[in-house]
Amino acid sequence: MAPMKITNLFAIMTVMLIAMSAVSEAQAPAPAPTSDATSVFVPTFIASLFALIFAFLF
Protein backbone atom coordinates (compact mmCIF):
# COMPACT_ATOMS: atom_id res chain seq x y z
CA MET A 1 0.00 0.00 0.00
CA ALA A 2 2.78 2.44 0.90
CA PRO A 3 4.71 2.03 -2.39
CA MET A 4 1.51 2.76 -4.32
CA LYS A 5 0.97 5.99 -2.36
CA ILE A 6 4.57 7.03 -3.00
CA THR A 7 4.17 6.28 -6.71
CA ASN A 8 0.99 8.35 -6.88
CA LEU A 9 2.62 11.21 -4.98
CA PHE A 10 5.66 11.14 -7.28
CA ALA A 11 3.46 11.16 -10.39
CA ILE A 12 1.31 14.03 -9.10
CA MET A 13 4.36 16.09 -8.11
CA THR A 14 5.97 15.52 -11.52
CA VAL A 15 2.82 16.60 -13.34
CA MET A 16 2.49 19.68 -11.11
CA LEU A 17 6.12 20.64 -11.74
CA ILE A 18 5.69 20.38 -15.50
CA ALA A 19 2.37 22.27 -15.41
CA MET A 20 3.79 25.09 -13.28
CA SER A 21 6.79 25.32 -15.57
CA ALA A 22 4.50 25.59 -18.59
CA VAL A 23 2.35 28.27 -16.94
CA SER A 24 5.33 30.39 -15.92
CA GLU A 25 6.78 29.96 -19.41
CA ALA A 26 3.51 31.11 -21.02
CA GLN A 27 3.30 34.29 -18.94
CA ALA A 28 6.93 35.30 -19.40
CA PRO A 29 7.71 38.12 -21.83
CA ALA A 30 9.40 37.34 -25.11
CA PRO A 31 13.15 36.87 -24.72
CA ALA A 32 15.61 39.28 -26.29
CA PRO A 33 17.16 38.22 -29.59
CA THR A 34 20.53 37.88 -27.85
CA SER A 35 19.12 35.45 -25.25
CA ASP A 36 20.76 32.03 -24.97
CA ALA A 37 17.36 30.42 -24.21
CA THR A 38 18.44 28.60 -21.03
CA SER A 39 14.98 29.26 -19.59
CA VAL A 40 13.65 26.58 -21.96
CA PHE A 41 16.41 23.99 -21.59
CA VAL A 42 16.53 23.83 -17.78
CA PRO A 43 12.85 22.82 -17.18
CA THR A 44 13.08 20.42 -20.13
CA PHE A 45 16.19 18.82 -18.65
CA ILE A 46 14.54 18.49 -15.22
CA ALA A 47 11.40 16.92 -16.71
CA SER A 48 13.51 14.50 -18.75
CA LEU A 49 15.53 13.56 -15.69
CA PHE A 50 12.36 12.84 -13.70
CA ALA A 51 11.04 10.73 -16.59
CA LEU A 52 14.24 8.67 -16.70
CA ILE A 53 14.29 8.15 -12.94
CA PHE A 54 10.63 7.15 -13.00
CA ALA A 55 11.30 4.68 -15.84
CA PHE A 56 14.24 3.08 -14.03
CA LEU A 57 12.41 2.78 -10.71
CA PHE A 58 9.10 1.48 -12.02
C-alpha atoms as a PDB file:
ATOM      1  CA  MET A   1       0.000   0.000   0.000  1.00  0.00           C
ATOM      2  CA  ALA A   2       2.778   2.443   0.899  1.00  0.00           C
ATOM      3  CA  PRO A   3       4.708   2.029  -2.391  1.00  0.00           C
ATOM      4  CA  MET A   4       1.510   2.764  -4.322  1.00  0.00           C
ATOM      5  CA  LYS A   5       0.969   5.987  -2.361  1.00  0.00           C
ATOM      6  CA  ILE A   6       4.575   7.031  -3.001  1.00  0.00           C
ATOM      7  CA  THR A   7       4.168   6.282  -6.708  1.00  0.00           C
ATOM      8  CA  ASN A   8       0.993   8.349  -6.881  1.00  0.00           C
ATOM      9  CA  LEU A   9       2.617  11.213  -4.985  1.00  0.00           C
ATOM     10  CA  PHE A  10       5.656  11.145  -7.275  1.00  0.00           C
ATOM     11  CA  ALA A  11       3.460  11.156 -10.390  1.00  0.00           C
ATOM     12  CA  ILE A  12       1.313  14.027  -9.095  1.00  0.00           C
ATOM     13  CA  MET A  13       4.359  16.092  -8.114  1.00  0.00           C
ATOM     14  CA  THR A  14       5.966  15.520 -11.515  1.00  0.00           C
ATOM     15  CA  VAL A  15       2.820  16.603 -13.342  1.00  0.00           C
ATOM     16  CA  MET A  16       2.485  19.680 -11.113  1.00  0.00           C
ATOM     17  CA  LEU A  17       6.123  20.636 -11.742  1.00  0.00           C
ATOM     18  CA  ILE A  18       5.686  20.376 -15.501  1.00  0.00           C
ATOM     19  CA  ALA A  19       2.373  22.266 -15.412  1.00  0.00           C
ATOM     20  CA  MET A  20       3.788  25.094 -13.282  1.00  0.00           C
ATOM     21  CA  SER A  21       6.790  25.324 -15.569  1.00  0.00           C
ATOM     22  CA  ALA A  22       4.495  25.592 -18.592  1.00  0.00           C
ATOM     23  CA  VAL A  23       2.351  28.272 -16.937  1.00  0.00           C
ATOM     24  CA  SER A  24       5.333  30.386 -15.915  1.00  0.00           C
ATOM     25  CA  GLU A  25       6.776  29.956 -19.411  1.00  0.00           C
ATOM     26  CA  ALA A  26       3.515  31.105 -21.023  1.00  0.00           C
ATOM     27  CA  GLN A  27       3.299  34.288 -18.944  1.00  0.00           C
ATOM     28  CA  ALA A  28       6.926  35.304 -19.400  1.00  0.00           C
ATOM     29  CA  PRO A  29       7.707  38.119 -21.832  1.00  0.00           C
ATOM     30  CA  ALA A  30       9.398  37.339 -25.111  1.00  0.00           C
ATOM     31  CA  PRO A  31      13.149  36.874 -24.724  1.00  0.00           C
ATOM     32  CA  ALA A  32      15.605  39.279 -26.290  1.00  0.00           C
ATOM     33  CA  PRO A  33      17.159  38.220 -29.594  1.00  0.00           C
ATOM     34  CA  THR A  34      20.525  37.878 -27.851  1.00  0.00           C
ATOM     35  CA  SER A  35      19.120  35.447 -25.255  1.00  0.00           C
ATOM     36  CA  ASP A  36      20.763  32.033 -24.974  1.00  0.00           C
ATOM     37  CA  ALA A  37      17.355  30.417 -24.208  1.00  0.00           C
ATOM     38  CA  THR A  38      18.444  28.597 -21.031  1.00  0.00           C
ATOM     39  CA  SER A  39      14.984  29.256 -19.595  1.00  0.00           C
ATOM     40  CA  VAL A  40      13.645  26.584 -21.963  1.00  0.00           C
ATOM     41  CA  PHE A  41      16.406  23.995 -21.592  1.00  0.00           C
ATOM     42  CA  VAL A  42      16.531  23.828 -17.782  1.00  0.00           C
ATOM     43  CA  PRO A  43      12.853  22.820 -17.181  1.00  0.00           C
ATOM     44  CA  THR A  44      13.083  20.420 -20.126  1.00  0.00           C
ATOM     45  CA  PHE A  45      16.186  18.816 -18.650  1.00  0.00           C
ATOM     46  CA  ILE A  46      14.538  18.487 -15.223  1.00  0.00           C
ATOM     47  CA  ALA A  47      11.397  16.922 -16.706  1.00  0.00           C
ATOM     48  CA  SER A  48      13.513  14.499 -18.751  1.00  0.00           C
ATOM     49  CA  LEU A  49      15.531  13.565 -15.692  1.00  0.00           C
ATOM     50  CA  PHE A  50      12.365  12.843 -13.695  1.00  0.00           C
ATOM     51  CA  ALA A  51      11.043  10.729 -16.590  1.00  0.00           C
ATOM     52  CA  LEU A  52      14.243   8.665 -16.702  1.00  0.00           C
ATOM     53  CA  ILE A  53      14.289   8.153 -12.937  1.00  0.00           C
ATOM     54  CA  PHE A  54      10.635   7.146 -13.002  1.00  0.00           C
ATOM     55  CA  ALA A  55      11.297   4.678 -15.838  1.00  0.00           C
ATOM     56  CA  PHE A  56      14.239   3.085 -14.029  1.00  0.00           C
ATOM     57  CA  LEU A  57      12.406   2.782 -10.708  1.00  0.00           C
ATOM     58  CA  PHE A  58       9.100   1.481 -12.020  1.00  0.00           C
END
